[in-house]
């Protein structure tokens, strides 16, 4: 009788354990997007020397750009990201999301009109649109954010003497030249611990010549969105968008 009673008690205990719900911590995925600048097939390093299609030696000294409203067409994964190659390296953004929801990504190269003309002092101190974070990527005289910044030194004389005395300064951005991008068929790399990585590249050789329009930096070397520079500003951001792709 005692044995039977013991068996019944053990059975009831097991049933009670099985019926008790198990508390599980939901898994939160982190999605990281990086951008590796390249020059053709080689990774690009600032202040290193490369050769343009015209045969000029060039050293890139600064690469910065904004990307905004990045998502899958129905949900925004990242409202605004600021890429600063010299200061923060290849990182573009790191956000919470489900990688399976983002087999494609689209967004702006630059800042859309909704945010481009908002007060830059109202954003959180860590926000890429905050005036202190944006720093020299914001035109304080009122036209909004600089969408992208490319600076370089060029030696335009092929005489065997390194003389990088020709300066390239492309600082462009306004609503009229805002560009959209889209990448599809994406494969996120599983880094473990619910972290996923999407590597992009920025091919600065393709920026100089995308097969449709090319820069001769000897004569096309500056734009700050001033009157008369509209055509070169548009060319800069179009070629830049074409240079951005999957790594």
Protein backbone atom coordinates (compact mmCIF):
# COMPACT_ATOMS: atom_id res chain seq x y z
CA UNK A 1 0.00 0.00 0.00
CA UNK A 2 2.84 2.36 0.91
CA UNK A 3 4.55 1.59 -2.41
CA UNK A 4 1.36 2.38 -4.33
CA UNK A 5 0.92 5.67 -2.48
CA UNK A 6 4.51 6.67 -3.24
CA UNK A 7 4.00 5.90 -6.93
CA UNK A 8 0.86 8.05 -7.07
CA UNK A 9 2.60 11.01 -5.40
CA UNK A 10 5.57 10.82 -7.80
CA UNK A 11 3.24 10.65 -10.81
CA UNK A 12 1.28 13.69 -9.64
CA UNK A 13 4.52 15.60 -9.11
CA UNK A 14 5.68 14.85 -12.64
CA UNK A 15 2.35 15.94 -14.12
CA UNK A 16 2.49 19.16 -12.14
CA UNK A 17 6.01 19.85 -13.38
CA UNK A 18 5.02 19.22 -16.99
CA UNK A 19 2.04 21.56 -16.75
CA UNK A 20 4.09 24.41 -15.29
CA UNK A 21 4.99 26.91 -18.02
CA UNK A 22 8.66 27.57 -18.61
CA UNK A 23 9.70 31.21 -18.53
CA UNK A 24 11.98 31.92 -21.49
CA UNK A 25 13.84 35.14 -22.18
CA UNK A 26 13.03 36.24 -25.75
CA UNK A 27 16.01 36.29 -28.07
CA UNK A 28 16.75 39.78 -29.36
CA UNK A 29 18.80 39.81 -32.54
CA UNK A 30 21.36 42.51 -33.29
CA UNK A 31 21.86 43.46 -36.92
CA UNK A 32 25.19 45.08 -37.78
CA UNK A 33 25.94 46.76 -41.11
CA UNK A 34 29.46 47.80 -42.06
CA UNK A 35 30.94 49.55 -45.09
CA UNK A 36 34.43 48.70 -46.34
CA UNK A 37 35.87 51.36 -48.66
CA UNK A 38 37.79 49.79 -51.53
CA UNK A 39 39.69 50.93 -54.58
CA UNK A 40 38.71 48.36 -57.15
CA UNK A 41 39.60 44.95 -55.75
CA UNK A 42 41.73 46.15 -52.81
CA UNK A 43 40.61 47.51 -49.47
CA UNK A 44 41.16 51.25 -49.25
CA UNK A 45 43.08 52.94 -46.45
CA UNK A 46 43.03 56.67 -45.86
CA UNK A 47 46.27 58.49 -46.70
CA UNK A 48 47.51 55.61 -48.87
CA UNK A 49 48.29 56.19 -52.55
CA UNK A 50 46.18 54.89 -55.44
CA UNK A 51 46.09 55.70 -59.16
CA UNK A 52 43.04 57.24 -60.83
CA UNK A 53 41.83 56.20 -64.30
CA UNK A 54 43.61 59.32 -65.65
CA UNK A 55 46.91 58.20 -64.11
CA UNK A 56 46.96 60.64 -61.19
CA UNK A 57 48.23 59.56 -57.78
CA UNK A 58 45.55 60.11 -55.16
CA UNK A 59 45.33 59.91 -51.39
CA UNK A 60 41.87 59.96 -49.83
CA UNK A 61 41.90 61.86 -46.55
CA UNK A 62 38.24 61.84 -45.50
CA UNK A 63 35.14 59.75 -46.29
CA UNK A 64 31.85 60.50 -44.54
CA UNK A 65 28.22 60.07 -45.48
CA UNK A 66 24.71 59.86 -44.08
CA UNK A 67 22.32 57.00 -44.81
CA UNK A 68 18.73 57.34 -43.64
CA UNK A 69 15.36 55.61 -43.33
CA UNK A 70 16.97 52.23 -43.95
CA UNK A 71 14.48 49.37 -43.97
CA UNK A 72 12.66 46.75 -46.01
CA UNK A 73 10.01 48.98 -47.55
CA UNK A 74 7.47 48.47 -44.78
CA UNK A 75 9.54 48.75 -41.60
CA UNK A 76 12.45 51.07 -40.81
CA UNK A 77 15.44 49.31 -39.25
CA UNK A 78 17.62 52.41 -38.86
CA UNK A 79 16.33 55.97 -39.09
CA UNK A 80 19.73 57.63 -39.52
CA UNK A 81 23.33 56.43 -39.68
CA UNK A 82 26.52 58.45 -40.01
CA UNK A 83 29.56 56.78 -41.57
CA UNK A 84 32.89 58.34 -40.62
CA UNK A 85 35.74 56.18 -41.88
CA UNK A 86 38.55 58.00 -40.09
CA UNK A 87 36.84 58.26 -36.72
CA UNK A 88 34.73 55.12 -36.37
CA UNK A 89 36.08 52.83 -39.09
CA UNK A 90 33.77 50.58 -41.08
CA UNK A 91 30.74 50.70 -38.78
CA UNK A 92 27.51 52.07 -40.23
CA UNK A 93 24.93 50.95 -37.66
CA UNK A 94 24.00 48.23 -35.17
CA UNK A 95 20.28 47.86 -34.46
CA UNK A 96 17.83 45.36 -32.99
CA UNK A 97 15.78 43.46 -35.55
CA UNK A 98 15.10 40.06 -37.07
CA UNK A 99 17.49 39.32 -39.92
CA UNK A 100 14.83 37.21 -41.64
CA UNK A 101 12.70 40.33 -42.04
CA UNK A 102 15.42 42.08 -44.04
CA UNK A 103 16.23 40.08 -47.15
CA UNK A 104 16.33 43.49 -48.83
CA UNK A 105 17.31 46.96 -47.66
CA UNK A 106 16.47 50.33 -49.11
CA UNK A 107 16.94 53.89 -47.95
CA UNK A 108 18.51 57.24 -48.72
CA UNK A 109 22.05 58.33 -49.36
CA UNK A 110 21.60 61.57 -47.46
CA UNK A 111 18.81 62.86 -45.22
CA UNK A 112 15.18 63.02 -46.35
CA UNK A 113 13.34 66.36 -46.21
CA UNK A 114 11.47 65.39 -43.01
CA UNK A 115 14.68 65.48 -40.99
CA UNK A 116 17.01 67.52 -43.16
CA UNK A 117 15.53 70.83 -42.05
CA UNK A 118 14.57 69.98 -38.47
CA UNK A 119 16.25 71.67 -35.51
CA UNK A 120 19.55 69.73 -34.99
CA UNK A 121 19.69 70.69 -31.30
CA UNK A 122 16.55 68.72 -30.29
CA UNK A 123 17.99 65.25 -30.86
CA UNK A 124 19.47 63.02 -28.17
CA UNK A 125 23.20 63.51 -27.63
CA UNK A 126 23.92 60.09 -29.21
CA UNK A 127 21.72 60.67 -32.25
CA UNK A 128 23.61 61.02 -35.57
CA UNK A 129 21.45 64.09 -36.28
CA UNK A 130 22.44 65.83 -33.05
CA UNK A 131 24.38 68.98 -33.86
CA UNK A 132 27.39 67.90 -31.79
CA UNK A 133 27.49 64.43 -33.35
CA UNK A 134 26.94 65.79 -36.86
CA UNK A 135 29.61 68.43 -36.24
CA UNK A 136 31.08 69.38 -39.62
CA UNK A 137 28.38 67.40 -41.46
CA UNK A 138 25.87 70.18 -40.86
CA UNK A 139 25.75 73.53 -42.64
CA UNK A 140 24.94 76.00 -39.87
CA UNK A 141 24.00 78.65 -42.44
CA UNK A 142 20.70 76.90 -42.98
CA UNK A 143 20.55 74.46 -45.88
CA UNK A 144 20.62 71.34 -43.72
CA UNK A 145 22.99 68.40 -43.47
CA UNK A 146 25.93 67.55 -45.69
CA UNK A 147 24.91 64.24 -47.26
CA UNK A 148 28.43 63.13 -48.06
CA UNK A 149 31.96 64.40 -47.78
CA UNK A 150 34.92 63.24 -49.86
CA UNK A 151 38.31 64.85 -49.45
CA UNK A 152 41.56 63.87 -51.14
CA UNK A 153 45.00 65.06 -52.24
CA UNK A 154 46.06 64.46 -55.83
CA UNK A 155 49.34 64.57 -57.73
CA UNK A 156 48.29 65.46 -61.27
CA UNK A 157 51.82 65.59 -62.74
CA UNK A 158 53.34 62.25 -63.72
CA UNK A 159 56.99 63.23 -63.21
CA UNK A 160 57.96 60.69 -60.57
CA UNK A 161 57.95 63.34 -57.85
CA UNK A 162 55.34 62.93 -55.12
CA UNK A 163 53.69 66.32 -54.86
CA UNK A 164 50.13 66.05 -53.56
CA UNK A 165 49.31 69.73 -53.87
CA UNK A 166 45.96 69.47 -55.69
CA UNK A 167 43.08 69.20 -53.22
CA UNK A 168 39.70 67.56 -53.82
CA UNK A 169 36.78 68.71 -51.65
CA UNK A 170 33.33 67.34 -52.41
CA UNK A 171 30.79 68.42 -49.76
CA UNK A 172 27.30 67.94 -51.19
CA UNK A 173 23.76 67.80 -49.91
CA UNK A 174 20.34 69.26 -50.52
CA UNK A 175 16.84 67.94 -51.15
CA UNK A 176 17.15 68.22 -54.92
CA UNK A 177 19.99 65.67 -55.16
CA UNK A 178 18.81 63.13 -52.56
CA UNK A 179 19.43 59.58 -53.80
CA UNK A 180 17.78 56.25 -52.94
CA UNK A 181 19.50 52.86 -52.78
CA UNK A 182 18.22 49.28 -52.69
CA UNK A 183 19.96 45.97 -52.07
CA UNK A 184 18.07 42.69 -52.49
CA UNK A 185 18.77 39.00 -52.03
CA UNK A 186 20.71 39.71 -48.84
CA UNK A 187 22.47 37.03 -46.83
CA UNK A 188 23.27 38.00 -43.25
CA UNK A 189 26.31 36.36 -41.68
CA UNK A 190 25.58 34.65 -38.36
CA UNK A 191 28.21 35.83 -35.86
CA UNK A 192 26.72 33.84 -32.98
CA UNK A 193 24.96 35.09 -29.84
CA UNK A 194 22.04 36.36 -31.97
CA UNK A 195 24.27 38.78 -33.87
CA UNK A 196 24.09 39.07 -37.66
CA UNK A 197 26.35 41.01 -40.01
CA UNK A 198 25.83 42.53 -43.46
CA UNK A 199 29.04 43.81 -45.11
CA UNK A 200 28.79 46.53 -47.74
CA UNK A 201 31.56 48.16 -49.75
CA UNK A 202 32.22 51.60 -51.16
CA UNK A 203 34.33 51.31 -54.31
CA UNK A 204 36.09 54.66 -54.75
CA UNK A 205 37.51 53.58 -58.11
CA UNK A 206 33.93 53.12 -59.31
CA UNK A 207 33.10 56.50 -57.80
CA UNK A 208 35.72 58.07 -60.06
CA UNK A 209 34.37 56.23 -63.11
CA UNK A 210 31.10 54.30 -62.96
CA UNK A 211 31.08 53.47 -66.67
CA UNK A 212 28.58 56.22 -67.45
CA UNK A 213 30.23 59.33 -66.07
CA UNK A 214 33.79 59.86 -64.86
CA UNK A 215 35.67 62.50 -62.90
CA UNK A 216 38.82 64.15 -64.15
CA UNK A 217 40.01 65.48 -60.81
CA UNK A 218 42.30 67.96 -62.50
CA UNK A 219 39.28 70.00 -63.57
CA UNK A 220 36.45 68.59 -61.40
CA UNK A 221 37.66 68.79 -57.85
CA UNK A 222 35.32 70.87 -55.70
CA UNK A 223 31.68 71.37 -54.81
CA UNK A 224 30.00 72.93 -51.78
CA UNK A 225 26.50 73.23 -53.27
CA UNK A 226 27.17 76.79 -54.35
CA UNK A 227 25.35 78.34 -57.29
CA UNK A 228 26.87 77.02 -60.48
CA UNK A 229 27.97 73.76 -58.84
CA UNK A 230 24.63 71.96 -59.15
CA UNK A 231 25.76 69.65 -61.97
CA UNK A 232 28.93 68.48 -60.25
CA UNK A 233 27.11 68.03 -56.92
CA UNK A 234 24.57 65.76 -58.61
CA UNK A 235 27.35 63.84 -60.36
CA UNK A 236 29.16 63.35 -57.04
CA UNK A 237 26.18 61.82 -55.25
CA UNK A 238 25.08 59.73 -58.25
CA UNK A 239 28.52 58.18 -58.64
CA UNK A 240 28.75 57.72 -54.87
CA UNK A 241 25.46 55.81 -54.81
CA UNK A 242 26.65 53.59 -57.67
CA UNK A 243 29.88 52.90 -55.77
CA UNK A 244 27.97 51.57 -52.75
CA UNK A 245 27.19 47.86 -52.97
CA UNK A 246 27.40 44.42 -51.39
CA UNK A 247 30.85 43.31 -50.29
